[in-house]
Amino acid sequence: MSVSVWLVPLGYLAGSIPFGLLIAKATTGVDVRKAGSGNIGATNVLRIVGSGAGALTLALDALKGWAPVALSQLLGASELLVAAIGLAAFLGHLYPLFLGFRGGKGVATALGVLLALFAKIALLIVGVWLLTAALFRYSSLAALVTTVAAPFLVWVLDGRPPYVGLTIIMCGLILIRHRENVSRLLAGHEGKIGKKLQGADLSQHDRLAS
């Protein structure tokens, strides 16, 4: 069996590391699963803990998607196997072994996977996110617009079937994970970027997210 095949379960385990939860607990003692939206990702950490913790969570969640894919490419794995390893890391974040298979929404980890596969396309996708976020100030809306655009960009600019398929699967799951955000956006209750939840706002956001 090829050595790179073992990166599939290792990729899943890497993806399962709940960096947002660990960072929030280490810095403030807060369990982000019980605050804000209850998500372990960078956006909730940003709102609950602050910008530094949010940025670090974003970087590490992206790294756990990037590293297994980059390593598999270095070992000469086939495109299909590389895609499987990237998907395993992504699914690890969504369904982490260490948290009873209840994880985050996968945006940062998916970005890390795409950065390892094709950095220029990934940076273009980041540009779509940044533009949408700058215009509307909603992280969830930026994620939704980006996940719709990403498969099209990968198909047009790269076109390799394993990677197009991987992008479609990841983006489809991200969209499903954001269904509550869609409801809050439509109701006008979604928190904007840069608004740190405290006190009554935090309690209200908890009720809306439940």
C-alpha atoms as a PDB file:
ATOM      1  CA  MET A   1       0.000   0.000   0.000  1.00  0.00           C
ATOM      2  CA  SER A   2       1.281   3.444  -0.926  1.00  0.00           C
ATOM      3  CA  VAL A   3       2.560   5.543   1.938  1.00  0.00           C
ATOM      4  CA  SER A   4       0.395   8.434   0.781  1.00  0.00           C
ATOM      5  CA  VAL A   5      -2.780   6.357   1.292  1.00  0.00           C
ATOM      6  CA  TRP A   6      -2.203   6.657   5.027  1.00  0.00           C
ATOM      7  CA  LEU A   7      -2.627  10.398   4.664  1.00  0.00           C
ATOM      8  CA  VAL A   8      -6.390   9.874   4.250  1.00  0.00           C
ATOM      9  CA  PRO A   9      -6.985   8.910   7.918  1.00  0.00           C
ATOM     10  CA  LEU A  10      -4.186  11.227   9.038  1.00  0.00           C
ATOM     11  CA  GLY A  11      -5.813  14.060   7.094  1.00  0.00           C
ATOM     12  CA  TYR A  12      -9.087  13.366   8.871  1.00  0.00           C
ATOM     13  CA  LEU A  13      -7.360  13.402  12.262  1.00  0.00           C
ATOM     14  CA  ALA A  14      -5.611  16.689  11.407  1.00  0.00           C
ATOM     15  CA  GLY A  15      -8.929  18.182  10.360  1.00  0.00           C
ATOM     16  CA  SER A  16     -10.478  17.039  13.636  1.00  0.00           C
ATOM     17  CA  ILE A  17      -8.210  19.246  15.759  1.00  0.00           C
ATOM     18  CA  PRO A  18     -10.588  21.926  17.187  1.00  0.00           C
ATOM     19  CA  PHE A  19      -8.220  24.884  17.125  1.00  0.00           C
ATOM     20  CA  GLY A  20     -10.950  27.451  17.758  1.00  0.00           C
ATOM     21  CA  LEU A  21     -12.117  25.672  20.898  1.00  0.00           C
ATOM     22  CA  LEU A  22      -8.560  25.196  22.169  1.00  0.00           C
ATOM     23  CA  ILE A  23      -7.530  28.807  21.508  1.00  0.00           C
ATOM     24  CA  ALA A  24     -10.636  30.271  23.155  1.00  0.00           C
ATOM     25  CA  LYS A  25     -10.255  28.070  26.237  1.00  0.00           C
ATOM     26  CA  ALA A  26      -6.541  28.816  26.524  1.00  0.00           C
ATOM     27  CA  THR A  27      -6.961  32.591  26.253  1.00  0.00           C
ATOM     28  CA  THR A  28     -10.250  33.274  28.068  1.00  0.00           C
ATOM     29  CA  GLY A  29     -11.528  29.973  29.435  1.00  0.00           C
ATOM     30  CA  VAL A  30     -14.655  30.261  27.269  1.00  0.00           C
ATOM     31  CA  ASP A  31     -16.125  27.197  25.587  1.00  0.00           C
ATOM     32  CA  VAL A  32     -17.171  28.617  22.202  1.00  0.00           C
ATOM     33  CA  ARG A  33     -19.581  25.718  21.754  1.00  0.00           C
ATOM     34  CA  LYS A  34     -21.687  27.306  24.504  1.00  0.00           C
ATOM     35  CA  ALA A  35     -21.422  30.929  23.369  1.00  0.00           C
ATOM     36  CA  GLY A  36     -22.455  32.982  20.368  1.00  0.00           C
ATOM     37  CA  SER A  37     -23.431  30.748  17.466  1.00  0.00           C
ATOM     38  CA  GLY A  38     -21.909  27.698  19.177  1.00  0.00           C
ATOM     39  CA  ASN A  39     -19.539  27.201  16.265  1.00  0.00           C
ATOM     40  CA  ILE A  40     -15.859  26.340  16.760  1.00  0.00           C
ATOM     41  CA  GLY A  41     -14.716  28.303  13.719  1.00  0.00           C
ATOM     42  CA  ALA A  42     -12.905  31.613  13.335  1.00  0.00           C
ATOM     43  CA  THR A  43     -15.991  33.845  13.018  1.00  0.00           C
ATOM     44  CA  ASN A  44     -17.461  32.783  16.362  1.00  0.00           C
ATOM     45  CA  VAL A  45     -14.047  32.945  18.044  1.00  0.00           C
ATOM     46  CA  LEU A  46     -13.633  36.462  16.620  1.00  0.00           C
ATOM     47  CA  ARG A  47     -16.954  37.592  18.071  1.00  0.00           C
ATOM     48  CA  ILE A  48     -16.537  35.895  21.453  1.00  0.00           C
ATOM     49  CA  VAL A  49     -12.809  36.259  22.138  1.00  0.00           C
ATOM     50  CA  GLY A  50     -11.417  38.906  19.797  1.00  0.00           C
ATOM     51  CA  SER A  51      -9.601  39.563  16.551  1.00  0.00           C
ATOM     52  CA  GLY A  52      -6.260  37.996  17.514  1.00  0.00           C
ATOM     53  CA  ALA A  53      -7.818  34.694  18.524  1.00  0.00           C
ATOM     54  CA  GLY A  54     -10.071  34.771  15.471  1.00  0.00           C
ATOM     55  CA  ALA A  55      -7.161  35.339  13.094  1.00  0.00           C
ATOM     56  CA  LEU A  56      -5.121  32.568  14.701  1.00  0.00           C
ATOM     57  CA  THR A  57      -8.073  30.173  14.468  1.00  0.00           C
ATOM     58  CA  LEU A  58      -8.535  31.052  10.794  1.00  0.00           C
ATOM     59  CA  ALA A  59      -4.857  30.426  10.027  1.00  0.00           C
ATOM     60  CA  LEU A  60      -4.677  27.106  11.882  1.00  0.00           C
ATOM     61  CA  ASP A  61      -7.967  25.823  10.466  1.00  0.00           C
ATOM     62  CA  ALA A  62      -6.647  26.614   6.983  1.00  0.00           C
ATOM     63  CA  LEU A  63      -3.314  24.963   7.810  1.00  0.00           C
ATOM     64  CA  LYS A  64      -4.960  21.670   8.748  1.00  0.00           C
ATOM     65  CA  GLY A  65      -6.491  21.574   5.264  1.00  0.00           C
ATOM     66  CA  TRP A  66      -3.334  22.707   3.481  1.00  0.00           C
ATOM     67  CA  ALA A  67      -0.754  20.469   5.186  1.00  0.00           C
ATOM     68  CA  PRO A  68      -2.156  16.987   4.354  1.00  0.00           C
ATOM     69  CA  VAL A  69      -2.770  17.957   0.721  1.00  0.00           C
ATOM     70  CA  ALA A  70       0.651  19.556   0.323  1.00  0.00           C
ATOM     71  CA  LEU A  71       2.308  16.498   1.845  1.00  0.00           C
ATOM     72  CA  SER A  72       0.389  14.129  -0.421  1.00  0.00           C
ATOM     73  CA  GLN A  73       1.525  16.117  -3.463  1.00  0.00           C
ATOM     74  CA  LEU A  74       5.105  16.008  -2.219  1.00  0.00           C
ATOM     75  CA  LEU A  75       4.840  12.219  -1.965  1.00  0.00           C
ATOM     76  CA  GLY A  76       3.595  12.000  -5.556  1.00  0.00           C
ATOM     77  CA  ALA A  77       0.041  10.848  -4.842  1.00  0.00           C
ATOM     78  CA  SER A  78      -2.394  10.660  -7.738  1.00  0.00           C
ATOM     79  CA  GLU A  79      -4.880  13.482  -8.275  1.00  0.00           C
ATOM     80  CA  LEU A  80      -7.729  11.259  -7.091  1.00  0.00           C
ATOM     81  CA  LEU A  81      -5.883  10.352  -3.890  1.00  0.00           C
ATOM     82  CA  VAL A  82      -4.911  13.981  -3.284  1.00  0.00           C
ATOM     83  CA  ALA A  83      -8.581  14.919  -3.598  1.00  0.00           C
ATOM     84  CA  ALA A  84      -9.552  12.151  -1.166  1.00  0.00           C
ATOM     85  CA  ILE A  85      -6.999  13.378   1.358  1.00  0.00           C
ATOM     86  CA  GLY A  86      -8.259  16.950   1.028  1.00  0.00           C
ATOM     87  CA  LEU A  87     -11.826  15.778   1.525  1.00  0.00           C
ATOM     88  CA  ALA A  88     -10.799  13.775   4.593  1.00  0.00           C
ATOM     89  CA  ALA A  89      -9.221  16.845   6.201  1.00  0.00           C
ATOM     90  CA  PHE A  90     -12.309  18.906   5.396  1.00  0.00           C
ATOM     91  CA  LEU A  91     -14.659  16.278   6.827  1.00  0.00           C
ATOM     92  CA  GLY A  92     -12.496  16.106   9.933  1.00  0.00           C
ATOM     93  CA  HIS A  93     -13.328  19.735  10.635  1.00  0.00           C
ATOM     94  CA  LEU A  94     -17.041  19.225   9.988  1.00  0.00           C
ATOM     95  CA  TYR A  95     -17.252  15.943  11.918  1.00  0.00           C
ATOM     96  CA  PRO A  96     -14.301  15.937  14.350  1.00  0.00           C
ATOM     97  CA  LEU A  97     -13.484  12.721  16.138  1.00  0.00           C
ATOM     98  CA  PHE A  98     -12.482  14.638  19.270  1.00  0.00           C
ATOM     99  CA  LEU A  99     -15.804  16.508  19.648  1.00  0.00           C
ATOM    100  CA  GLY A 100     -18.336  13.766  19.080  1.00  0.00           C
ATOM    101  CA  PHE A 101     -18.474  14.511  15.326  1.00  0.00           C
ATOM    102  CA  ARG A 102     -19.947  17.991  15.878  1.00  0.00           C
ATOM    103  CA  GLY A 103     -17.643  20.518  14.294  1.00  0.00           C
ATOM    104  CA  GLY A 104     -17.488  23.728  12.313  1.00  0.00           C
ATOM    105  CA  LYS A 105     -18.647  24.882   8.913  1.00  0.00           C
ATOM    106  CA  GLY A 106     -15.423  24.211   7.055  1.00  0.00           C
ATOM    107  CA  VAL A 107     -14.745  27.469   5.204  1.00  0.00           C
ATOM    108  CA  ALA A 108     -11.170  27.979   6.418  1.00  0.00           C
ATOM    109  CA  THR A 109     -10.236  24.298   6.086  1.00  0.00           C
ATOM    110  CA  ALA A 110     -11.650  24.177   2.558  1.00  0.00           C
ATOM    111  CA  LEU A 111      -9.606  27.264   1.735  1.00  0.00           C
ATOM    112  CA  GLY A 112      -6.476  25.524   3.006  1.00  0.00           C
ATOM    113  CA  VAL A 113      -7.178  22.543   0.758  1.00  0.00           C
ATOM    114  CA  LEU A 114      -7.655  24.802  -2.264  1.00  0.00           C
ATOM    115  CA  LEU A 115      -4.507  26.789  -1.468  1.00  0.00           C
ATOM    116  CA  ALA A 116      -2.493  23.575  -1.587  1.00  0.00           C
ATOM    117  CA  LEU A 117      -4.102  22.505  -4.874  1.00  0.00           C
ATOM    118  CA  PHE A 118      -3.939  25.787  -6.779  1.00  0.00           C
ATOM    119  CA  ALA A 119      -2.823  28.864  -4.888  1.00  0.00           C
ATOM    120  CA  LYS A 120      -3.715  31.413  -7.581  1.00  0.00           C
ATOM    121  CA  ILE A 121      -7.310  30.188  -7.923  1.00  0.00           C
ATOM    122  CA  ALA A 122      -7.636  30.005  -4.130  1.00  0.00           C
ATOM    123  CA  LEU A 123      -6.466  33.597  -3.813  1.00  0.00           C
ATOM    124  CA  LEU A 124      -9.037  34.633  -6.420  1.00  0.00           C
ATOM    125  CA  ILE A 125     -11.681  32.857  -4.340  1.00  0.00           C
ATOM    126  CA  VAL A 126     -10.433  34.732  -1.265  1.00  0.00           C
ATOM    127  CA  GLY A 127     -10.853  37.926  -3.277  1.00  0.00           C
ATOM    128  CA  VAL A 128     -14.518  37.073  -3.833  1.00  0.00           C
ATOM    129  CA  TRP A 129     -14.926  36.558  -0.079  1.00  0.00           C
ATOM    130  CA  LEU A 130     -13.145  39.806   0.809  1.00  0.00           C
ATOM    131  CA  LEU A 131     -15.134  41.850  -1.698  1.00  0.00           C
ATOM    132  CA  THR A 132     -18.464  40.460  -0.485  1.00  0.00           C
ATOM    133  CA  ALA A 133     -17.474  40.893   3.171  1.00  0.00           C
ATOM    134  CA  ALA A 134     -16.310  44.473   2.571  1.00  0.00           C
ATOM    135  CA  LEU A 135     -19.530  45.392   0.786  1.00  0.00           C
ATOM    136  CA  PHE A 136     -22.020  43.764   3.140  1.00  0.00           C
ATOM    137  CA  ARG A 137     -20.095  43.115   6.418  1.00  0.00           C
ATOM    138  CA  TYR A 138     -21.531  39.628   6.851  1.00  0.00           C
ATOM    139  CA  SER A 139     -19.051  36.755   7.110  1.00  0.00           C
ATOM    140  CA  SER A 140     -21.752  34.167   6.436  1.00  0.00           C
ATOM    141  CA  LEU A 141     -22.983  35.973   3.309  1.00  0.00           C
ATOM    142  CA  ALA A 142     -19.414  36.211   2.034  1.00  0.00           C
ATOM    143  CA  ALA A 143     -19.008  32.476   2.620  1.00  0.00           C
ATOM    144  CA  LEU A 144     -22.237  31.705   0.772  1.00  0.00           C
ATOM    145  CA  VAL A 145     -21.331  33.831  -2.263  1.00  0.00           C
ATOM    146  CA  THR A 146     -17.836  32.362  -2.337  1.00  0.00           C
ATOM    147  CA  THR A 147     -19.004  28.744  -2.151  1.00  0.00           C
ATOM    148  CA  VAL A 148     -21.290  29.332  -5.124  1.00  0.00           C
ATOM    149  CA  ALA A 149     -18.489  30.962  -7.128  1.00  0.00           C
ATOM    150  CA  ALA A 150     -15.660  28.557  -6.197  1.00  0.00           C
ATOM    151  CA  PRO A 151     -16.712  25.431  -8.172  1.00  0.00           C
ATOM    152  CA  PHE A 152     -17.251  27.543 -11.289  1.00  0.00           C
ATOM    153  CA  LEU A 153     -13.813  29.171 -10.946  1.00  0.00           C
ATOM    154  CA  VAL A 154     -12.091  25.821 -10.394  1.00  0.00           C
ATOM    155  CA  TRP A 155     -13.902  24.280 -13.373  1.00  0.00           C
ATOM    156  CA  VAL A 156     -13.020  27.159 -15.718  1.00  0.00           C
ATOM    157  CA  LEU A 157      -9.458  27.848 -14.549  1.00  0.00           C
ATOM    158  CA  ASP A 158      -8.269  24.305 -13.731  1.00  0.00           C
ATOM    159  CA  GLY A 159     -10.789  21.735 -14.913  1.00  0.00           C
ATOM    160  CA  ARG A 160      -9.232  18.554 -13.495  1.00  0.00           C
ATOM    161  CA  PRO A 161     -12.215  16.303 -12.627  1.00  0.00           C
ATOM    162  CA  PRO A 162     -11.003  15.106  -9.181  1.00  0.00           C
ATOM    163  CA  TYR A 163     -10.440  18.673  -8.032  1.00  0.00           C
ATOM    164  CA  VAL A 164     -13.635  20.038  -9.573  1.00  0.00           C
ATOM    165  CA  GLY A 165     -15.558  17.228  -7.854  1.00  0.00           C
ATOM    166  CA  LEU A 166     -13.805  17.878  -4.539  1.00  0.00           C
ATOM    167  CA  THR A 167     -14.639  21.590  -4.723  1.00  0.00           C
ATOM    168  CA  ILE A 168     -18.306  20.872  -5.502  1.00  0.00           C
ATOM    169  CA  ILE A 169     -18.592  18.471  -2.541  1.00  0.00           C
ATOM    170  CA  MET A 170     -16.893  20.843  -0.096  1.00  0.00           C
ATOM    171  CA  CYS A 171     -18.919  23.845  -1.237  1.00  0.00           C
ATOM    172  CA  GLY A 172     -22.165  21.865  -1.128  1.00  0.00           C
ATOM    173  CA  LEU A 173     -21.519  20.855   2.468  1.00  0.00           C
ATOM    174  CA  ILE A 174     -20.553  24.415   3.388  1.00  0.00           C
ATOM    175  CA  LEU A 175     -23.845  25.667   1.977  1.00  0.00           C
ATOM    176  CA  ILE A 176     -25.752  23.073   3.996  1.00  0.00           C
ATOM    177  CA  ARG A 177     -23.827  24.083   7.123  1.00  0.00           C
ATOM    178  CA  HIS A 178     -24.880  27.703   6.600  1.00  0.00           C
ATOM    179  CA  ARG A 179     -28.622  27.065   6.424  1.00  0.00           C
ATOM    180  CA  GLU A 180     -29.185  28.648   9.861  1.00  0.00           C
ATOM    181  CA  ASN A 181     -27.162  31.669   8.785  1.00  0.00           C
ATOM    182  CA  VAL A 182     -29.422  32.038   5.752  1.00  0.00           C
ATOM    183  CA  SER A 183     -32.439  32.113   8.065  1.00  0.00           C
ATOM    184  CA  ARG A 184     -30.815  34.748  10.284  1.00  0.00           C
ATOM    185  CA  LEU A 185     -29.769  36.840   7.279  1.00  0.00           C
ATOM    186  CA  LEU A 186     -33.326  36.829   5.954  1.00  0.00           C
ATOM    187  CA  ALA A 187     -34.643  37.734   9.411  1.00  0.00           C
ATOM    188  CA  GLY A 188     -32.058  40.504   9.864  1.00  0.00           C
ATOM    189  CA  HIS A 189     -30.541  38.884  12.951  1.00  0.00           C
ATOM    190  CA  GLU A 190     -27.140  37.812  11.609  1.00  0.00           C
ATOM    191  CA  GLY A 191     -24.152  39.367  13.379  1.00  0.00           C
ATOM    192  CA  LYS A 192     -21.908  41.613  11.303  1.00  0.00           C
ATOM    193  CA  ILE A 193     -18.133  41.364  11.031  1.00  0.00           C
ATOM    194  CA  GLY A 194     -16.361  43.278  13.768  1.00  0.00           C
ATOM    195  CA  LYS A 195     -19.245  43.154  16.225  1.00  0.00           C
ATOM    196  CA  LYS A 196     -18.072  41.385  19.360  1.00  0.00           C
ATOM    197  CA  LEU A 197     -20.938  39.782  21.241  1.00  0.00           C
ATOM    198  CA  GLN A 198     -21.204  40.622  24.915  1.00  0.00           C
ATOM    199  CA  GLY A 199     -23.797  40.455  27.647  1.00  0.00           C
ATOM    200  CA  ALA A 200     -27.365  40.726  26.417  1.00  0.00           C
ATOM    201  CA  ASP A 201     -26.308  40.620  22.773  1.00  0.00           C
ATOM    202  CA  LEU A 202     -24.555  37.324  23.381  1.00  0.00           C
ATOM    203  CA  SER A 203     -27.608  35.840  25.085  1.00  0.00           C
ATOM    204  CA  GLN A 204     -29.876  37.005  22.285  1.00  0.00           C
ATOM    205  CA  HIS A 205     -27.527  35.564  19.653  1.00  0.00           C
ATOM    206  CA  ASP A 206     -27.518  32.255  21.535  1.00  0.00           C
ATOM    207  CA  ARG A 207     -31.309  32.088  21.373  1.00  0.00           C
ATOM    208  CA  LEU A 208     -31.381  32.923  17.681  1.00  0.00           C
ATOM    209  CA  ALA A 209     -28.775  30.256  16.923  1.00  0.00           C
ATOM    210  CA  SER A 210     -30.505  27.518  18.905  1.00  0.00           C
END
